[in-house]
Structures are given as C-alpha cells and as structure tokens.
Amino acid sequence: MLNKRLLIKNLLAYNDENSFYDKKIQLNLDSKEGKAKFLKHVCALANSNPQNNSYIVVGVEDESNKIVGVDFYDDSKIQNLINAYFNNPPKIQYENIAFPRLPRYKVIGLVTINPIEKITSLKKGLWKYPKDSIFLRLGSNSIPVHEVILKNTNKAIVESIEKNAANNIKLTLDGVFDFMNEHQQELNPSYIVFKDHFVLCWAGIKKETKGKILYSRVDIELVNEQIRLFYSAFDEVEIDYNQQSFIITEYIQLSNNEKPASKDVGGLYPLEKTIINFKENGTYDIATQLLFNPPTFDPVVLKHIYNNNNAILDKLQKGIPLSKNNRLDLERLPTTYLICSLNGFKDAKKKLEQTKPFLRELQDKSAYIKTKEALRVLRKIRYYK
C-alpha cells in the first residue's frame, strides 16, 4: 500500500516534469480548452508508460515547485470523461491527498494513470485536437505524433519511486495523530480500523435533524494512503459503518423560504450515497449512488428570485453599491441560483459562475464557498446523466 503523500514528495523531488509525471497548478475540466489539455497529457503519459503507472500532480506551482493546493474534488465520474474521448482508454484515478501545512479545505490532487500496453488516441475531436490524435511525452512536453512504438523506458525508476513510498506503521500512526491534532475538539475526531489493516479517520460537528444524526464540516481520511475521501464545508452528512463498510450519505440544503411544489422535507435533500468497502485481501473499492430528486418550486416565485439575482449580479459587475436587502439576498444567491438551475433556468449556472470573483473578495467567504458547493452539485448531477 502506497502512502500517496510520500509518493507526491518523491515525484516532486525530481523537480522538473518528465516522461512519467506532470504537474499542474490546477485543472479546468469545465472548459473545452482545459478538458482538451488534460486529455492530451493523459494520452501522452499513457503512451509513454505502457508498463508502469504515470502521474499528474495538481496544486503545485510549475516554476517554484511550491505546494499551494487546490479545492477538494470529488468527481468520481472522471473515468467517464476518459472513456468518452479515447480509443483504448487507460484506467485513471483522481485522489485528494491531505498535506498538514495546507488549510483544511485544500488538498493536492493526484491523477494516477494505469498502464494498458495499447496505444491511446482521441476517438473524437476536442478543441484544436482532431479525431485520432496521438500524443507522446518528450521530456516535460506532451507532443502530437503520427505513430507510437510502445517502449518500456520508465518502469524501473517508477517502481523505485513507488517502493520508497510504501506505507509503514510509523507513517500510519503519524497520520492518525496529525488528523486528531488538526481537528478541533468540537469536530469530534475519531478513527476506525477495518480488516485489521485500514485506518480511517473522520471528524464533524454533530447535530440531530428530524430524528437523524447528521454532521457538518465533515472530513474523512484514509490514513494508510493519506487520501482525503470526503470533505464538506456546509452540507449535512449522515455516517454509518459496519465491520466491512463505511457509508456516507450527503444531504444538501435547498431552503428558499418558500415551500416547493413537491413534498416539503424541511429544505434538506439527499444528494449522494458513497460506500467504501474494505476487503480481506488488503484492497478496497468505492461505490457511489446518486439519490437526488430535485424539488420543484413555484415558477412565478422563481422567476422573481432569478430576476432579483440577476439585478444584484449586474450591480456587482458595474460596481454599484448594494442595498441592505441586496446584501441579505447575496448570502442566499448561490442556493437560489442552484434552485433556479435545477428548475429549468438554463442560464442560472452561467450566472452563478459569474458571481465567483465578486464573492471571493468579500470578507465573509460563506457565500463564495456556497457557490463552489452549488457548482459541485451541478457538476455531479451532470456526470450521472
């Protein structure tokens, strides 16, 4: 079992990107250009490493090699993107790796590209890359080529890096103590051991809602591998576990001070269930199930709210001071734009994205964080379709 934090440190020790790993300050999979560049690097690394893993490290400055971190990214459907665009798609994983010196809401992203010993190419065009494009790594660059001869050039060095990142008892115990010390007492930090092998730490603020025990500000980490499995700034989470599984049910708050046309459930709606199954052979798998059934609100009321949100956004873009009522509505704006998007307002997501730079500048970051959470929900729903 690899300690992924140590693996990242070992990769960064090479400083410069090369034919078996790449580093990025961030990924942008919401734009065609960002998606195309990510796929180009995955394709090039897969073709350049037919017999060993290759990696992309996300959240590291290119020139200085400084670890700055990125937001927690819980898109378990990223493999769908790979399968949709590639001939001979490699299996990949995106994992969120905790680093003690980063803020709790920041991680380092680790993309692992597993070898397949087949030539990977684009099966349809994207951005400026045409159908059937093939890429290969030349040093730190991913370049287009007309043909590829699969060569085993990096297997020994990558196996050595991975061997040096193997987990041990000291690293596991250090990880548990780090987790306990980093989380305040009101977050109720705890740990669970599965199958005498896996150590899972979790923390959150406990409360009872409508007969359910729910947690907010939840942080869940598989210490053996230093993988952050779940992080939530606001959403409510129900936690359950047995001898072989840890089960996370995530809820989202969609209260709008108006009752939805569908059955009112107090503003809390189940979003997704994640089940982590631990096995006797020292492996585990993660299964997810979308539970969300969007509530339907009165379209006349939503039209009024949507227009009011747009008026606030227009004031922000023009630098016009907000009224007291505007400032109150601004706090609810991410949630109300989300509700509008879920109820058929096609431009609501675009409007929500436009608010981000303005909300980021506010002293109170709550609305900005809620905006990122709302966009995460919309992205998750899109990938399940």
Protein backbone atom coordinates (compact mmCIF):
# COMPACT_ATOMS: atom_id res chain seq x y z
CA MET A 1 0.00 0.00 0.00
CA LEU A 2 1.37 3.38 -1.05
CA ASN A 3 1.49 6.46 1.15
CA LYS A 4 0.30 8.93 -1.50
CA ARG A 5 1.65 11.98 0.31
CA LEU A 6 5.13 10.46 0.32
CA LEU A 7 4.70 9.42 -3.31
CA ILE A 8 3.97 13.03 -4.29
CA LYS A 9 7.02 14.24 -2.39
CA ASN A 10 9.15 11.65 -4.17
CA LEU A 11 7.79 12.73 -7.57
CA LEU A 12 8.38 16.42 -6.82
CA ALA A 13 11.95 15.62 -5.77
CA TYR A 14 12.65 15.31 -9.49
CA ASN A 15 11.60 18.98 -9.68
CA ASP A 16 11.13 19.05 -13.45
CA GLU A 17 8.30 17.25 -15.18
CA ASN A 18 9.39 14.31 -17.29
CA SER A 19 8.05 11.41 -19.29
CA PHE A 20 6.33 9.72 -16.33
CA TYR A 21 4.80 12.64 -14.43
CA ASP A 22 3.37 16.10 -14.99
CA LYS A 23 2.38 18.84 -12.55
CA LYS A 24 -0.31 21.49 -12.77
CA ILE A 25 -1.33 24.45 -10.65
CA GLN A 26 -4.97 23.42 -11.27
CA LEU A 27 -7.27 21.59 -13.69
CA ASN A 28 -10.16 23.22 -15.51
CA LEU A 29 -12.45 20.48 -16.79
CA ASP A 30 -15.41 22.83 -17.30
CA SER A 31 -13.98 24.45 -20.46
CA LYS A 32 -13.23 22.76 -23.78
CA GLU A 33 -9.65 24.04 -23.72
CA GLY A 34 -9.00 22.84 -20.17
CA LYS A 35 -10.59 19.47 -20.83
CA ALA A 36 -8.60 19.03 -24.07
CA LYS A 37 -5.27 19.86 -22.41
CA PHE A 38 -5.95 17.41 -19.59
CA LEU A 39 -6.81 14.64 -22.08
CA LYS A 40 -3.68 15.44 -24.09
CA HIS A 41 -1.45 14.91 -21.05
CA VAL A 42 -3.25 11.70 -20.03
CA CYS A 43 -2.88 10.35 -23.58
CA ALA A 44 0.81 11.25 -23.76
CA LEU A 45 1.64 9.76 -20.37
CA ALA A 46 -0.28 6.56 -21.13
CA ASN A 47 1.56 6.06 -24.43
CA SER A 48 4.94 6.86 -22.87
CA ASN A 49 4.47 4.45 -19.95
CA PRO A 50 3.00 1.19 -21.28
CA GLN A 51 4.24 -0.94 -18.34
CA ASN A 52 4.18 1.37 -15.32
CA ASN A 53 1.96 3.95 -13.66
CA SER A 54 2.31 7.59 -14.61
CA TYR A 55 1.09 10.60 -12.66
CA ILE A 56 -0.24 14.15 -12.80
CA VAL A 57 0.18 16.19 -9.60
CA VAL A 58 -2.33 19.06 -9.23
CA GLY A 59 -1.87 22.04 -6.91
CA VAL A 60 1.85 22.69 -7.39
CA GLU A 61 3.43 25.83 -8.88
CA ASP A 62 5.34 24.93 -12.01
CA GLU A 63 8.45 27.07 -11.61
CA SER A 64 8.98 27.09 -7.85
CA ASN A 65 7.63 23.59 -7.14
CA LYS A 66 5.72 25.16 -4.23
CA ILE A 67 2.80 23.15 -2.86
CA VAL A 68 -0.20 25.52 -2.86
CA GLY A 69 -3.10 23.06 -3.03
CA VAL A 70 -6.47 23.01 -4.78
CA ASP A 71 -10.08 22.61 -3.66
CA PHE A 72 -11.29 19.13 -2.76
CA TYR A 73 -12.50 17.50 -5.98
CA ASP A 74 -14.93 14.62 -5.52
CA ASP A 75 -15.77 13.83 -9.13
CA SER A 76 -15.75 10.04 -9.12
CA LYS A 77 -17.00 10.08 -12.71
CA ILE A 78 -13.77 11.41 -14.22
CA GLN A 79 -13.24 7.95 -15.75
CA ASN A 80 -16.38 8.61 -17.82
CA LEU A 81 -14.58 11.54 -19.46
CA ILE A 82 -11.60 9.32 -20.33
CA ASN A 83 -13.84 6.58 -21.74
CA ALA A 84 -15.84 9.08 -23.80
CA TYR A 85 -12.86 10.58 -25.64
CA PHE A 86 -10.25 7.82 -26.00
CA ASN A 87 -9.64 4.75 -28.06
CA ASN A 88 -8.00 2.29 -25.64
CA PRO A 89 -8.75 4.45 -22.58
CA PRO A 90 -6.44 3.86 -19.61
CA LYS A 91 -7.90 3.39 -16.15
CA ILE A 92 -7.25 6.50 -14.06
CA GLN A 93 -7.96 7.65 -10.51
CA TYR A 94 -8.19 11.19 -9.15
CA GLU A 95 -7.38 11.26 -5.42
CA ASN A 96 -7.33 14.12 -2.91
CA ILE A 97 -4.16 13.97 -0.81
CA ALA A 98 -4.02 15.80 2.52
CA PHE A 99 -0.93 17.82 3.44
CA PRO A 100 -0.64 19.08 7.06
CA ARG A 101 0.59 22.57 6.15
CA LEU A 102 -2.33 23.27 3.81
CA PRO A 103 -5.66 24.71 5.04
CA ARG A 104 -8.28 22.04 5.79
CA TYR A 105 -10.19 22.85 2.60
CA LYS A 106 -7.11 22.44 0.38
CA VAL A 107 -5.51 19.24 -0.90
CA ILE A 108 -3.09 18.10 -3.56
CA GLY A 109 -4.75 16.28 -6.46
CA LEU A 110 -3.08 13.09 -7.66
CA VAL A 111 -4.07 11.60 -11.01
CA THR A 112 -2.79 8.04 -11.43
CA ILE A 113 -2.76 6.65 -14.98
CA ASN A 114 -2.55 2.86 -15.04
CA PRO A 115 -0.66 1.12 -17.88
CA ILE A 116 -2.57 -0.78 -20.60
CA GLU A 117 0.17 -1.61 -23.17
CA LYS A 118 -2.01 -0.31 -26.00
CA ILE A 119 -1.81 2.91 -27.99
CA THR A 120 -4.27 5.53 -26.71
CA SER A 121 -5.73 8.09 -29.13
CA LEU A 122 -8.64 10.54 -29.37
CA LYS A 123 -11.72 8.87 -30.82
CA LYS A 124 -13.36 12.26 -31.41
CA GLY A 125 -12.08 15.79 -31.83
CA LEU A 126 -11.93 18.29 -28.99
CA TRP A 127 -10.88 21.95 -29.08
CA LYS A 128 -7.99 22.16 -31.59
CA TYR A 129 -7.11 18.46 -31.42
CA PRO A 130 -8.69 16.43 -34.25
CA LYS A 131 -10.08 12.92 -34.11
CA ASP A 132 -7.42 10.13 -33.98
CA SER A 133 -4.78 12.47 -32.49
CA ILE A 134 -1.97 10.62 -30.68
CA PHE A 135 0.32 12.22 -28.10
CA LEU A 136 3.62 11.23 -26.55
CA ARG A 137 5.85 12.68 -23.80
CA LEU A 138 9.09 14.28 -24.93
CA GLY A 139 10.79 15.29 -21.69
CA SER A 140 8.26 17.55 -19.93
CA ASN A 141 6.17 18.19 -23.05
CA SER A 142 3.16 16.33 -24.43
CA ILE A 143 3.50 16.48 -28.21
CA PRO A 144 1.37 15.22 -31.14
CA VAL A 145 2.88 12.36 -33.15
CA HIS A 146 1.78 10.35 -36.17
CA GLU A 147 2.68 6.98 -34.72
CA VAL A 148 3.89 5.44 -31.48
CA ILE A 149 6.16 2.50 -30.76
CA LEU A 150 5.44 1.46 -27.19
CA LYS A 151 8.70 1.39 -25.22
CA ASN A 152 9.42 0.32 -21.67
CA THR A 153 11.77 3.10 -20.54
CA ASN A 154 10.46 4.21 -17.14
CA LYS A 155 9.39 1.00 -15.42
CA ALA A 156 12.46 0.60 -13.18
CA ILE A 157 12.60 4.23 -11.99
CA VAL A 158 8.83 4.46 -11.31
CA GLU A 159 8.86 1.16 -9.41
CA SER A 160 11.73 2.51 -7.31
CA ILE A 161 9.80 5.72 -6.53
CA GLU A 162 6.71 3.73 -5.56
CA LYS A 163 8.74 1.33 -3.43
CA ASN A 164 10.19 4.26 -1.49
CA ALA A 165 6.63 5.50 -0.87
CA ALA A 166 5.45 2.24 0.71
CA ASN A 167 3.50 2.72 3.91
CA ASN A 168 4.68 1.59 7.34
CA ILE A 169 3.44 1.65 10.93
CA LYS A 170 5.20 4.93 11.75
CA LEU A 171 3.65 6.76 8.80
CA THR A 172 0.20 5.42 9.71
CA LEU A 173 0.48 6.40 13.38
CA ASP A 174 1.85 9.83 12.45
CA GLY A 175 -1.12 10.26 10.12
CA VAL A 176 -3.62 9.42 12.85
CA PHE A 177 -2.02 11.82 15.34
CA ASP A 178 -1.83 14.55 12.69
CA PHE A 179 -5.54 14.16 11.95
CA MET A 180 -6.54 14.21 15.62
CA ASN A 181 -4.41 17.26 16.39
CA GLU A 182 -5.54 19.25 13.34
CA HIS A 183 -9.26 18.96 14.10
CA GLN A 184 -10.73 20.96 16.92
CA GLN A 185 -12.44 19.13 19.75
CA GLU A 186 -15.93 20.18 18.64
CA LEU A 187 -15.33 18.31 15.38
CA ASN A 188 -15.31 15.03 17.35
CA PRO A 189 -12.26 13.45 15.66
CA SER A 190 -12.31 9.66 15.69
CA TYR A 191 -10.76 6.69 13.95
CA ILE A 192 -11.91 3.22 12.87
CA VAL A 193 -9.86 0.17 11.87
CA PHE A 194 -11.22 -2.09 9.13
CA LYS A 195 -9.98 -5.65 8.46
CA ASP A 196 -7.03 -5.15 10.84
CA HIS A 197 -5.38 -3.17 8.06
CA PHE A 198 -7.15 0.04 7.06
CA VAL A 199 -7.25 3.06 9.38
CA LEU A 200 -9.97 5.59 8.59
CA CYS A 201 -10.17 8.91 10.48
CA TRP A 202 -13.21 11.15 10.42
CA ALA A 203 -14.48 14.30 12.11
CA GLY A 204 -17.52 16.59 12.02
CA ILE A 205 -19.87 18.76 14.06
CA LYS A 206 -22.68 16.53 15.32
CA LYS A 207 -26.34 17.55 15.47
CA GLU A 208 -29.79 15.98 15.29
CA THR A 209 -32.16 16.98 12.48
CA LYS A 210 -35.65 15.48 12.16
CA GLY A 211 -34.63 12.39 14.08
CA LYS A 212 -31.40 11.87 12.11
CA ILE A 213 -27.86 12.29 13.44
CA LEU A 214 -26.10 14.46 10.89
CA TYR A 215 -22.65 16.03 10.73
CA SER A 216 -21.39 19.24 9.12
CA ARG A 217 -17.83 20.33 8.28
CA VAL A 218 -17.08 16.66 7.71
CA ASP A 219 -13.54 15.48 6.96
CA ILE A 220 -12.85 11.79 6.19
CA GLU A 221 -9.36 10.47 5.51
CA LEU A 222 -7.93 7.02 4.74
CA VAL A 223 -4.74 7.40 6.73
CA ASN A 224 -2.86 4.44 5.25
CA GLU A 225 -2.74 6.22 1.89
CA GLN A 226 -3.19 9.82 3.10
CA ILE A 227 -6.24 10.10 0.83
CA ARG A 228 -8.98 12.54 1.79
CA LEU A 229 -12.11 10.59 0.89
CA PHE A 230 -14.64 13.31 1.68
CA TYR A 231 -14.75 16.97 2.67
CA SER A 232 -17.76 19.22 3.17
CA ALA A 233 -17.79 22.87 4.23
CA PHE A 234 -21.57 23.22 4.70
CA ASP A 235 -23.55 20.18 3.57
CA GLU A 236 -25.03 17.81 6.11
CA VAL A 237 -23.73 14.25 6.17
CA GLU A 238 -25.10 11.04 7.66
CA ILE A 239 -22.46 8.47 8.64
CA ASP A 240 -22.90 4.76 9.21
CA TYR A 241 -20.49 1.82 9.27
CA ASN A 242 -20.25 -1.90 9.90
CA GLN A 243 -17.40 -4.40 10.01
CA GLN A 244 -16.52 -4.08 6.35
CA SER A 245 -18.03 -0.79 5.09
CA PHE A 246 -18.09 2.94 5.80
CA ILE A 247 -21.20 4.63 4.43
CA ILE A 248 -21.59 8.36 3.75
CA THR A 249 -24.94 9.88 2.78
CA GLU A 250 -24.67 13.53 1.78
CA TYR A 251 -27.57 15.99 2.03
CA ILE A 252 -27.86 19.48 0.58
CA GLN A 253 -29.81 22.44 1.91
CA LEU A 254 -32.21 23.91 -0.64
CA SER A 255 -34.35 26.06 1.61
CA ASN A 256 -35.60 29.21 -0.08
CA ASN A 257 -38.12 30.45 2.48
CA GLU A 258 -40.70 29.16 0.02
CA LYS A 259 -42.22 25.67 0.10
CA PRO A 260 -41.51 23.60 -3.01
CA ALA A 261 -44.38 22.30 -5.09
CA SER A 262 -43.14 18.81 -4.27
CA LYS A 263 -43.35 17.46 -0.71
CA ASP A 264 -41.56 19.76 1.71
CA VAL A 265 -38.80 17.94 3.58
CA GLY A 266 -37.53 20.88 5.56
CA GLY A 267 -35.04 22.03 2.95
CA LEU A 268 -32.72 19.02 3.30
CA TYR A 269 -32.47 16.68 0.31
CA PRO A 270 -30.34 13.52 -0.02
CA LEU A 271 -27.72 14.05 -2.73
CA GLU A 272 -25.42 11.02 -2.92
CA LYS A 273 -24.51 7.86 -1.06
CA THR A 274 -20.89 6.69 -1.00
CA ILE A 275 -20.00 3.20 0.23
CA ILE A 276 -16.36 2.30 0.93
CA ASN A 277 -16.00 -1.48 1.03
CA PHE A 278 -12.86 -2.92 2.67
CA LYS A 279 -11.80 -6.42 1.67
CA GLU A 280 -9.83 -9.22 3.32
CA ASN A 281 -7.14 -9.19 0.61
CA GLY A 282 -5.91 -5.69 1.54
CA THR A 283 -7.90 -3.80 -1.10
CA TYR A 284 -10.98 -1.61 -1.07
CA ASP A 285 -13.45 -0.19 -3.56
CA ILE A 286 -15.72 2.85 -3.55
CA ALA A 287 -19.26 2.80 -4.94
CA THR A 288 -21.45 5.88 -5.35
CA GLN A 289 -25.17 6.27 -5.93
CA LEU A 290 -26.96 9.49 -6.81
CA LEU A 291 -30.04 9.90 -4.62
CA PHE A 292 -31.04 13.40 -5.63
CA ASN A 293 -34.57 14.20 -6.80
CA PRO A 294 -34.67 17.97 -7.43
CA PRO A 295 -37.56 19.78 -5.73
CA THR A 296 -39.97 21.76 -7.90
CA PHE A 297 -40.75 25.31 -6.79
CA ASP A 298 -43.42 27.73 -7.94
CA PRO A 299 -42.15 29.03 -11.34
CA VAL A 300 -43.61 32.51 -10.77
CA VAL A 301 -41.75 32.87 -7.46
CA LEU A 302 -38.55 31.51 -9.01
CA LYS A 303 -38.78 33.95 -11.92
CA HIS A 304 -38.92 36.83 -9.44
CA ILE A 305 -35.96 35.43 -7.48
CA TYR A 306 -33.98 34.84 -10.69
CA ASN A 307 -34.52 38.41 -11.89
CA ASN A 308 -33.56 39.76 -8.46
CA ASN A 309 -30.35 37.69 -8.51
CA ASN A 310 -29.52 39.00 -11.98
CA ALA A 311 -30.06 42.58 -10.79
CA ILE A 312 -27.63 42.02 -7.90
CA LEU A 313 -25.07 40.47 -10.28
CA ASP A 314 -25.46 43.46 -12.61
CA LYS A 315 -24.73 45.84 -9.72
CA LEU A 316 -21.64 43.83 -8.76
CA GLN A 317 -20.34 43.90 -12.33
CA LYS A 318 -20.91 47.67 -12.61
CA GLY A 319 -19.55 48.48 -9.15
CA ILE A 320 -22.87 49.86 -7.91
CA PRO A 321 -23.26 49.72 -4.09
CA LEU A 322 -25.72 47.11 -2.83
CA SER A 323 -28.70 47.98 -0.65
CA LYS A 324 -29.24 46.32 2.73
CA ASN A 325 -31.78 43.92 1.18
CA ASN A 326 -29.36 43.19 -1.67
CA ARG A 327 -26.67 42.20 0.82
CA LEU A 328 -29.08 39.83 2.57
CA ASP A 329 -30.09 38.29 -0.77
CA LEU A 330 -26.41 37.98 -1.71
CA GLU A 331 -25.93 35.46 1.10
CA ARG A 332 -28.69 33.28 -0.40
CA LEU A 333 -27.71 33.89 -4.01
CA PRO A 334 -25.67 30.65 -4.55
CA THR A 335 -28.53 28.50 -3.22
CA THR A 336 -31.25 30.35 -5.14
CA TYR A 337 -29.29 30.23 -8.41
CA LEU A 338 -28.82 26.49 -7.81
CA ILE A 339 -32.57 26.04 -7.28
CA CYS A 340 -33.26 28.02 -10.46
CA SER A 341 -30.82 25.87 -12.44
CA LEU A 342 -32.47 22.69 -11.14
CA ASN A 343 -35.85 24.08 -12.20
CA GLY A 344 -35.02 24.72 -15.83
CA PHE A 345 -33.42 28.19 -15.88
CA LYS A 346 -30.74 27.44 -18.47
CA ASP A 347 -28.51 30.45 -17.79
CA ALA A 348 -28.58 30.14 -14.00
CA LYS A 349 -25.35 28.08 -13.84
CA LYS A 350 -23.55 30.61 -16.06
CA LYS A 351 -24.79 33.47 -13.87
CA LEU A 352 -23.66 31.60 -10.76
CA GLU A 353 -20.16 31.20 -12.21
CA GLN A 354 -20.05 34.93 -12.94
CA THR A 355 -20.60 35.75 -9.27
CA LYS A 356 -17.50 33.85 -8.08
CA PRO A 357 -14.86 36.60 -8.50
CA PHE A 358 -17.06 39.11 -6.66
CA LEU A 359 -17.96 36.77 -3.79
CA ARG A 360 -14.32 35.77 -3.44
CA GLU A 361 -13.46 39.37 -2.50
CA LEU A 362 -15.99 39.56 0.35
CA GLN A 363 -14.64 39.47 3.89
CA ASP A 364 -17.17 36.78 4.79
CA LYS A 365 -16.33 33.84 2.50
CA SER A 366 -19.53 31.89 3.22
CA ALA A 367 -21.31 32.89 0.00
CA TYR A 368 -18.19 32.13 -2.06
CA ILE A 369 -17.85 28.67 -0.52
CA LYS A 370 -21.55 28.02 -1.11
CA THR A 371 -21.07 28.99 -4.75
CA LYS A 372 -18.35 26.37 -5.16
CA GLU A 373 -20.58 23.81 -3.41
CA ALA A 374 -23.50 24.64 -5.71
CA LEU A 375 -21.34 24.24 -8.83
CA ARG A 376 -20.06 20.93 -7.46
CA VAL A 377 -23.64 19.68 -7.11
CA LEU A 378 -24.47 20.69 -10.69
CA ARG A 379 -21.32 19.00 -11.98
CA LYS A 380 -22.11 15.84 -10.07
CA ILE A 381 -25.66 15.67 -11.44
CA ARG A 382 -24.40 16.25 -14.98
CA TYR A 383 -21.95 13.34 -14.77
CA TYR A 384 -24.65 10.96 -13.57
CA LYS A 385 -26.87 11.69 -16.57
